[in-house]
């Protein structure tokens, strides 16, 4: 399989199912941002963090590939003529969403309660989490905008929403694990 196909040289790309759309189409922006997020999660996973976090991130990266495939599929061609779904992969399940919630609850149980917003930073690994969180929020915004034009699976949207929360809690937990200074945002007085 060659990496280059030359089929996108004129500014279009093919969705799964063959439909060609401009490379700036919101569907392409949506799954491209999910891909960007997945790359940042790989960067976090490459840090010196506990293996449990790495294992969870690998699972999340797998789920993001599923979301990318869902977003890259033309909804009008998602079902084949024989009635089968074009994507022969596991969907985003309620259990996938619940795993993120369980992981957040587990981390929250050992963290001090949040009383203020926190400024991103304190340690490079923590900063990578905050960047990934922001990219995740952008992916969610794009996917929900796409959903207003063409339906997107609701669990995929919920997963992105929960994932940004997970990344915030992970940033706080890593701040604690790495003994990084978590700076509270307290507005300056005028």
C-alpha atoms as a PDB file:
ATOM      1  CA  UNK A   1       0.000   0.000   0.000  1.00  0.00           C
ATOM      2  CA  UNK A   2       1.443   3.347  -1.026  1.00  0.00           C
ATOM      3  CA  UNK A   3       1.128   6.309   1.298  1.00  0.00           C
ATOM      4  CA  UNK A   4       0.577   8.787  -1.512  1.00  0.00           C
ATOM      5  CA  UNK A   5      -2.342   8.358  -3.893  1.00  0.00           C
ATOM      6  CA  UNK A   6      -2.300  11.711  -5.713  1.00  0.00           C
ATOM      7  CA  UNK A   7      -6.123  11.735  -5.507  1.00  0.00           C
ATOM      8  CA  UNK A   8      -6.114  14.702  -3.111  1.00  0.00           C
ATOM      9  CA  UNK A   9      -3.918  16.972  -5.195  1.00  0.00           C
ATOM     10  CA  UNK A  10      -6.882  19.131  -6.202  1.00  0.00           C
ATOM     11  CA  UNK A  11      -8.069  19.859  -2.672  1.00  0.00           C
ATOM     12  CA  UNK A  12     -10.567  17.062  -2.140  1.00  0.00           C
ATOM     13  CA  UNK A  13     -10.466  13.832  -0.197  1.00  0.00           C
ATOM     14  CA  UNK A  14     -12.603  10.708  -0.064  1.00  0.00           C
ATOM     15  CA  UNK A  15     -14.770   9.752   2.859  1.00  0.00           C
ATOM     16  CA  UNK A  16     -15.172   6.108   3.801  1.00  0.00           C
ATOM     17  CA  UNK A  17     -17.706   5.028   1.188  1.00  0.00           C
ATOM     18  CA  UNK A  18     -16.151   7.003  -1.658  1.00  0.00           C
ATOM     19  CA  UNK A  19     -17.864  10.400  -1.427  1.00  0.00           C
ATOM     20  CA  UNK A  20     -15.385  13.170  -2.233  1.00  0.00           C
ATOM     21  CA  UNK A  21     -15.488  16.384  -0.212  1.00  0.00           C
ATOM     22  CA  UNK A  22     -13.240  19.455   0.071  1.00  0.00           C
ATOM     23  CA  UNK A  23     -10.347  18.991   2.486  1.00  0.00           C
ATOM     24  CA  UNK A  24     -11.706  21.896   4.532  1.00  0.00           C
ATOM     25  CA  UNK A  25     -15.134  20.220   4.970  1.00  0.00           C
ATOM     26  CA  UNK A  26     -16.303  20.191   8.592  1.00  0.00           C
ATOM     27  CA  UNK A  27     -16.324  16.387   8.544  1.00  0.00           C
ATOM     28  CA  UNK A  28     -12.615  16.398   7.618  1.00  0.00           C
ATOM     29  CA  UNK A  29     -11.904  19.071  10.244  1.00  0.00           C
ATOM     30  CA  UNK A  30     -13.719  16.898  12.802  1.00  0.00           C
ATOM     31  CA  UNK A  31     -11.827  13.678  12.252  1.00  0.00           C
ATOM     32  CA  UNK A  32      -8.571  15.549  11.608  1.00  0.00           C
ATOM     33  CA  UNK A  33      -8.864  17.151  15.036  1.00  0.00           C
ATOM     34  CA  UNK A  34      -9.579  13.751  16.604  1.00  0.00           C
ATOM     35  CA  UNK A  35      -6.392  12.511  14.918  1.00  0.00           C
ATOM     36  CA  UNK A  36      -4.475  15.508  16.320  1.00  0.00           C
ATOM     37  CA  UNK A  37      -5.847  14.696  19.779  1.00  0.00           C
ATOM     38  CA  UNK A  38      -4.762  11.074  19.388  1.00  0.00           C
ATOM     39  CA  UNK A  39      -1.210  12.236  18.617  1.00  0.00           C
ATOM     40  CA  UNK A  40      -1.128  14.358  21.775  1.00  0.00           C
ATOM     41  CA  UNK A  41      -2.296  11.368  23.795  1.00  0.00           C
ATOM     42  CA  UNK A  42       0.654   9.449  22.365  1.00  0.00           C
ATOM     43  CA  UNK A  43       2.912  12.257  23.579  1.00  0.00           C
ATOM     44  CA  UNK A  44       1.437  12.016  27.083  1.00  0.00           C
ATOM     45  CA  UNK A  45       1.806   8.225  27.009  1.00  0.00           C
ATOM     46  CA  UNK A  46       5.499   8.650  26.137  1.00  0.00           C
ATOM     47  CA  UNK A  47       6.105  10.530  29.397  1.00  0.00           C
ATOM     48  CA  UNK A  48       7.375   8.977  32.617  1.00  0.00           C
ATOM     49  CA  UNK A  49       3.931   8.261  34.097  1.00  0.00           C
ATOM     50  CA  UNK A  50       2.355   5.283  35.858  1.00  0.00           C
ATOM     51  CA  UNK A  51       1.637   2.277  33.639  1.00  0.00           C
ATOM     52  CA  UNK A  52      -2.077   2.406  34.545  1.00  0.00           C
ATOM     53  CA  UNK A  53      -2.334   5.834  32.877  1.00  0.00           C
ATOM     54  CA  UNK A  54      -0.468   4.527  29.828  1.00  0.00           C
ATOM     55  CA  UNK A  55      -2.792   1.526  29.556  1.00  0.00           C
ATOM     56  CA  UNK A  56      -5.856   3.763  29.835  1.00  0.00           C
ATOM     57  CA  UNK A  57      -4.435   6.119  27.199  1.00  0.00           C
ATOM     58  CA  UNK A  58      -3.860   3.203  24.799  1.00  0.00           C
ATOM     59  CA  UNK A  59      -7.494   2.197  25.262  1.00  0.00           C
ATOM     60  CA  UNK A  60      -8.585   5.797  24.652  1.00  0.00           C
ATOM     61  CA  UNK A  61      -6.423   6.023  21.529  1.00  0.00           C
ATOM     62  CA  UNK A  62      -8.145   2.910  20.184  1.00  0.00           C
ATOM     63  CA  UNK A  63     -11.543   4.505  20.833  1.00  0.00           C
ATOM     64  CA  UNK A  64     -10.423   7.702  19.099  1.00  0.00           C
ATOM     65  CA  UNK A  65      -9.601   5.698  15.981  1.00  0.00           C
ATOM     66  CA  UNK A  66     -13.176   4.404  16.128  1.00  0.00           C
ATOM     67  CA  UNK A  67     -14.532   7.949  16.452  1.00  0.00           C
ATOM     68  CA  UNK A  68     -12.324   9.019  13.556  1.00  0.00           C
ATOM     69  CA  UNK A  69     -13.734   6.186  11.421  1.00  0.00           C
ATOM     70  CA  UNK A  70     -17.291   7.150  12.371  1.00  0.00           C
ATOM     71  CA  UNK A  71     -16.626  10.782  11.432  1.00  0.00           C
ATOM     72  CA  UNK A  72     -14.888   9.763   8.189  1.00  0.00           C
ATOM     73  CA  UNK A  73     -17.905   7.779   6.983  1.00  0.00           C
ATOM     74  CA  UNK A  74     -20.508   9.336   4.722  1.00  0.00           C
ATOM     75  CA  UNK A  75     -23.778   8.764   6.651  1.00  0.00           C
ATOM     76  CA  UNK A  76     -25.606   8.151   3.367  1.00  0.00           C
ATOM     77  CA  UNK A  77     -23.219   5.279   2.624  1.00  0.00           C
ATOM     78  CA  UNK A  78     -22.869   3.916   6.164  1.00  0.00           C
ATOM     79  CA  UNK A  79     -25.221   1.025   5.394  1.00  0.00           C
ATOM     80  CA  UNK A  80     -24.320  -1.290   2.524  1.00  0.00           C
ATOM     81  CA  UNK A  81     -26.882  -2.579   0.016  1.00  0.00           C
ATOM     82  CA  UNK A  82     -26.996  -5.902   1.865  1.00  0.00           C
ATOM     83  CA  UNK A  83     -28.087  -4.051   5.033  1.00  0.00           C
ATOM     84  CA  UNK A  84     -24.776  -4.456   6.871  1.00  0.00           C
ATOM     85  CA  UNK A  85     -22.883  -1.516   8.302  1.00  0.00           C
ATOM     86  CA  UNK A  86     -19.910  -0.337   6.261  1.00  0.00           C
ATOM     87  CA  UNK A  87     -17.830   0.047   9.444  1.00  0.00           C
ATOM     88  CA  UNK A  88     -17.180  -3.418  10.802  1.00  0.00           C
ATOM     89  CA  UNK A  89     -15.707  -2.200  14.101  1.00  0.00           C
ATOM     90  CA  UNK A  90     -17.027  -1.966  17.663  1.00  0.00           C
ATOM     91  CA  UNK A  91     -18.950   1.259  18.264  1.00  0.00           C
ATOM     92  CA  UNK A  92     -18.405   3.618  21.174  1.00  0.00           C
ATOM     93  CA  UNK A  93     -20.310   1.927  23.966  1.00  0.00           C
ATOM     94  CA  UNK A  94     -21.830   3.109  27.211  1.00  0.00           C
ATOM     95  CA  UNK A  95     -19.095   1.036  28.895  1.00  0.00           C
ATOM     96  CA  UNK A  96     -16.395   3.097  27.135  1.00  0.00           C
ATOM     97  CA  UNK A  97     -17.921   6.275  28.557  1.00  0.00           C
ATOM     98  CA  UNK A  98     -18.310   4.690  31.984  1.00  0.00           C
ATOM     99  CA  UNK A  99     -14.631   3.689  31.979  1.00  0.00           C
ATOM    100  CA  UNK A 100     -13.648   7.356  31.659  1.00  0.00           C
ATOM    101  CA  UNK A 101     -16.021   8.243  34.499  1.00  0.00           C
ATOM    102  CA  UNK A 102     -14.642   5.432  36.685  1.00  0.00           C
ATOM    103  CA  UNK A 103     -11.062   6.566  36.036  1.00  0.00           C
ATOM    104  CA  UNK A 104     -11.977  10.173  36.868  1.00  0.00           C
ATOM    105  CA  UNK A 105     -13.733   9.135  40.083  1.00  0.00           C
ATOM    106  CA  UNK A 106     -10.708   7.056  41.100  1.00  0.00           C
ATOM    107  CA  UNK A 107      -8.325   9.980  40.569  1.00  0.00           C
ATOM    108  CA  UNK A 108     -10.691  12.497  42.185  1.00  0.00           C
ATOM    109  CA  UNK A 109     -10.933  10.350  45.317  1.00  0.00           C
ATOM    110  CA  UNK A 110      -7.276  11.044  46.156  1.00  0.00           C
ATOM    111  CA  UNK A 111      -7.091  14.684  45.016  1.00  0.00           C
ATOM    112  CA  UNK A 112      -7.852  17.726  47.143  1.00  0.00           C
ATOM    113  CA  UNK A 113     -11.216  19.281  46.244  1.00  0.00           C
ATOM    114  CA  UNK A 114     -11.165  21.953  43.562  1.00  0.00           C
ATOM    115  CA  UNK A 115     -11.939  25.375  44.938  1.00  0.00           C
ATOM    116  CA  UNK A 116     -10.694  27.447  41.976  1.00  0.00           C
ATOM    117  CA  UNK A 117      -9.806  27.085  38.352  1.00  0.00           C
ATOM    118  CA  UNK A 118      -6.154  26.132  37.912  1.00  0.00           C
ATOM    119  CA  UNK A 119      -3.658  27.654  35.520  1.00  0.00           C
ATOM    120  CA  UNK A 120      -2.351  25.106  32.997  1.00  0.00           C
ATOM    121  CA  UNK A 121       1.281  24.224  33.609  1.00  0.00           C
ATOM    122  CA  UNK A 122       3.562  23.286  36.448  1.00  0.00           C
ATOM    123  CA  UNK A 123       5.255  20.401  34.669  1.00  0.00           C
ATOM    124  CA  UNK A 124       5.755  19.518  31.002  1.00  0.00           C
ATOM    125  CA  UNK A 125       3.658  16.335  31.281  1.00  0.00           C
ATOM    126  CA  UNK A 126       0.818  18.261  32.922  1.00  0.00           C
ATOM    127  CA  UNK A 127       0.999  20.877  30.177  1.00  0.00           C
ATOM    128  CA  UNK A 128       0.680  18.153  27.517  1.00  0.00           C
ATOM    129  CA  UNK A 129      -2.538  17.028  29.252  1.00  0.00           C
ATOM    130  CA  UNK A 130      -3.922  20.562  29.161  1.00  0.00           C
ATOM    131  CA  UNK A 131      -3.073  20.912  25.466  1.00  0.00           C
ATOM    132  CA  UNK A 132      -4.780  17.571  24.756  1.00  0.00           C
ATOM    133  CA  UNK A 133      -7.810  18.734  26.770  1.00  0.00           C
ATOM    134  CA  UNK A 134      -8.081  21.875  24.626  1.00  0.00           C
ATOM    135  CA  UNK A 135      -7.733  19.890  21.394  1.00  0.00           C
ATOM    136  CA  UNK A 136     -10.399  17.495  22.686  1.00  0.00           C
ATOM    137  CA  UNK A 137     -12.767  20.406  23.323  1.00  0.00           C
ATOM    138  CA  UNK A 138     -12.133  21.638  19.770  1.00  0.00           C
ATOM    139  CA  UNK A 139     -12.841  18.144  18.402  1.00  0.00           C
ATOM    140  CA  UNK A 140     -16.074  18.112  20.382  1.00  0.00           C
ATOM    141  CA  UNK A 141     -17.090  21.559  19.082  1.00  0.00           C
ATOM    142  CA  UNK A 142     -16.445  20.489  15.498  1.00  0.00           C
ATOM    143  CA  UNK A 143     -18.249  17.161  15.913  1.00  0.00           C
ATOM    144  CA  UNK A 144     -21.295  18.851  17.449  1.00  0.00           C
ATOM    145  CA  UNK A 145     -21.320  21.421  14.623  1.00  0.00           C
ATOM    146  CA  UNK A 146     -21.183  18.531  12.136  1.00  0.00           C
ATOM    147  CA  UNK A 147     -24.020  16.860  14.045  1.00  0.00           C
ATOM    148  CA  UNK A 148     -26.209  19.891  13.279  1.00  0.00           C
ATOM    149  CA  UNK A 149     -25.688  19.204   9.554  1.00  0.00           C
ATOM    150  CA  UNK A 150     -25.514  15.396   9.484  1.00  0.00           C
ATOM    151  CA  UNK A 151     -26.123  12.995  12.373  1.00  0.00           C
ATOM    152  CA  UNK A 152     -23.135  11.839  14.437  1.00  0.00           C
ATOM    153  CA  UNK A 153     -23.478   8.896  16.799  1.00  0.00           C
ATOM    154  CA  UNK A 154     -24.480  10.273  20.191  1.00  0.00           C
ATOM    155  CA  UNK A 155     -22.038   8.062  22.115  1.00  0.00           C
ATOM    156  CA  UNK A 156     -19.151   9.442  20.049  1.00  0.00           C
ATOM    157  CA  UNK A 157     -20.165  12.970  21.064  1.00  0.00           C
ATOM    158  CA  UNK A 158     -20.575  11.967  24.714  1.00  0.00           C
ATOM    159  CA  UNK A 159     -17.183  10.237  24.661  1.00  0.00           C
ATOM    160  CA  UNK A 160     -15.421  13.383  23.454  1.00  0.00           C
ATOM    161  CA  UNK A 161     -17.181  15.408  26.148  1.00  0.00           C
ATOM    162  CA  UNK A 162     -16.184  12.981  28.882  1.00  0.00           C
ATOM    163  CA  UNK A 163     -12.650  12.641  27.521  1.00  0.00           C
ATOM    164  CA  UNK A 164     -11.914  16.348  27.914  1.00  0.00           C
ATOM    165  CA  UNK A 165     -13.028  16.065  31.544  1.00  0.00           C
ATOM    166  CA  UNK A 166     -10.823  12.994  31.976  1.00  0.00           C
ATOM    167  CA  UNK A 167      -7.818  14.876  30.597  1.00  0.00           C
ATOM    168  CA  UNK A 168      -8.408  17.724  33.053  1.00  0.00           C
ATOM    169  CA  UNK A 169      -8.564  15.325  36.005  1.00  0.00           C
ATOM    170  CA  UNK A 170      -5.514  13.463  34.672  1.00  0.00           C
ATOM    171  CA  UNK A 171      -3.623  16.778  34.548  1.00  0.00           C
ATOM    172  CA  UNK A 172      -4.525  17.427  38.190  1.00  0.00           C
ATOM    173  CA  UNK A 173      -3.567  13.885  39.213  1.00  0.00           C
ATOM    174  CA  UNK A 174      -0.248  14.088  37.393  1.00  0.00           C
ATOM    175  CA  UNK A 175       0.394  17.448  39.083  1.00  0.00           C
ATOM    176  CA  UNK A 176      -0.035  15.640  42.368  1.00  0.00           C
ATOM    177  CA  UNK A 177       2.017  12.571  41.347  1.00  0.00           C
ATOM    178  CA  UNK A 178       4.849  14.733  39.988  1.00  0.00           C
ATOM    179  CA  UNK A 179       4.657  17.148  42.929  1.00  0.00           C
ATOM    180  CA  UNK A 180       4.128  20.012  40.519  1.00  0.00           C
ATOM    181  CA  UNK A 181       2.841  23.311  41.779  1.00  0.00           C
ATOM    182  CA  UNK A 182      -0.848  23.661  40.914  1.00  0.00           C
ATOM    183  CA  UNK A 183      -1.492  27.401  40.704  1.00  0.00           C
ATOM    184  CA  UNK A 184      -5.046  28.473  41.444  1.00  0.00           C
ATOM    185  CA  UNK A 185      -6.554  31.177  39.287  1.00  0.00           C
ATOM    186  CA  UNK A 186      -7.517  33.993  41.595  1.00  0.00           C
ATOM    187  CA  UNK A 187      -8.481  37.070  39.570  1.00  0.00           C
ATOM    188  CA  UNK A 188      -6.263  40.053  40.194  1.00  0.00           C
ATOM    189  CA  UNK A 189      -7.961  42.950  41.908  1.00  0.00           C
ATOM    190  CA  UNK A 190      -8.194  46.179  39.957  1.00  0.00           C
END
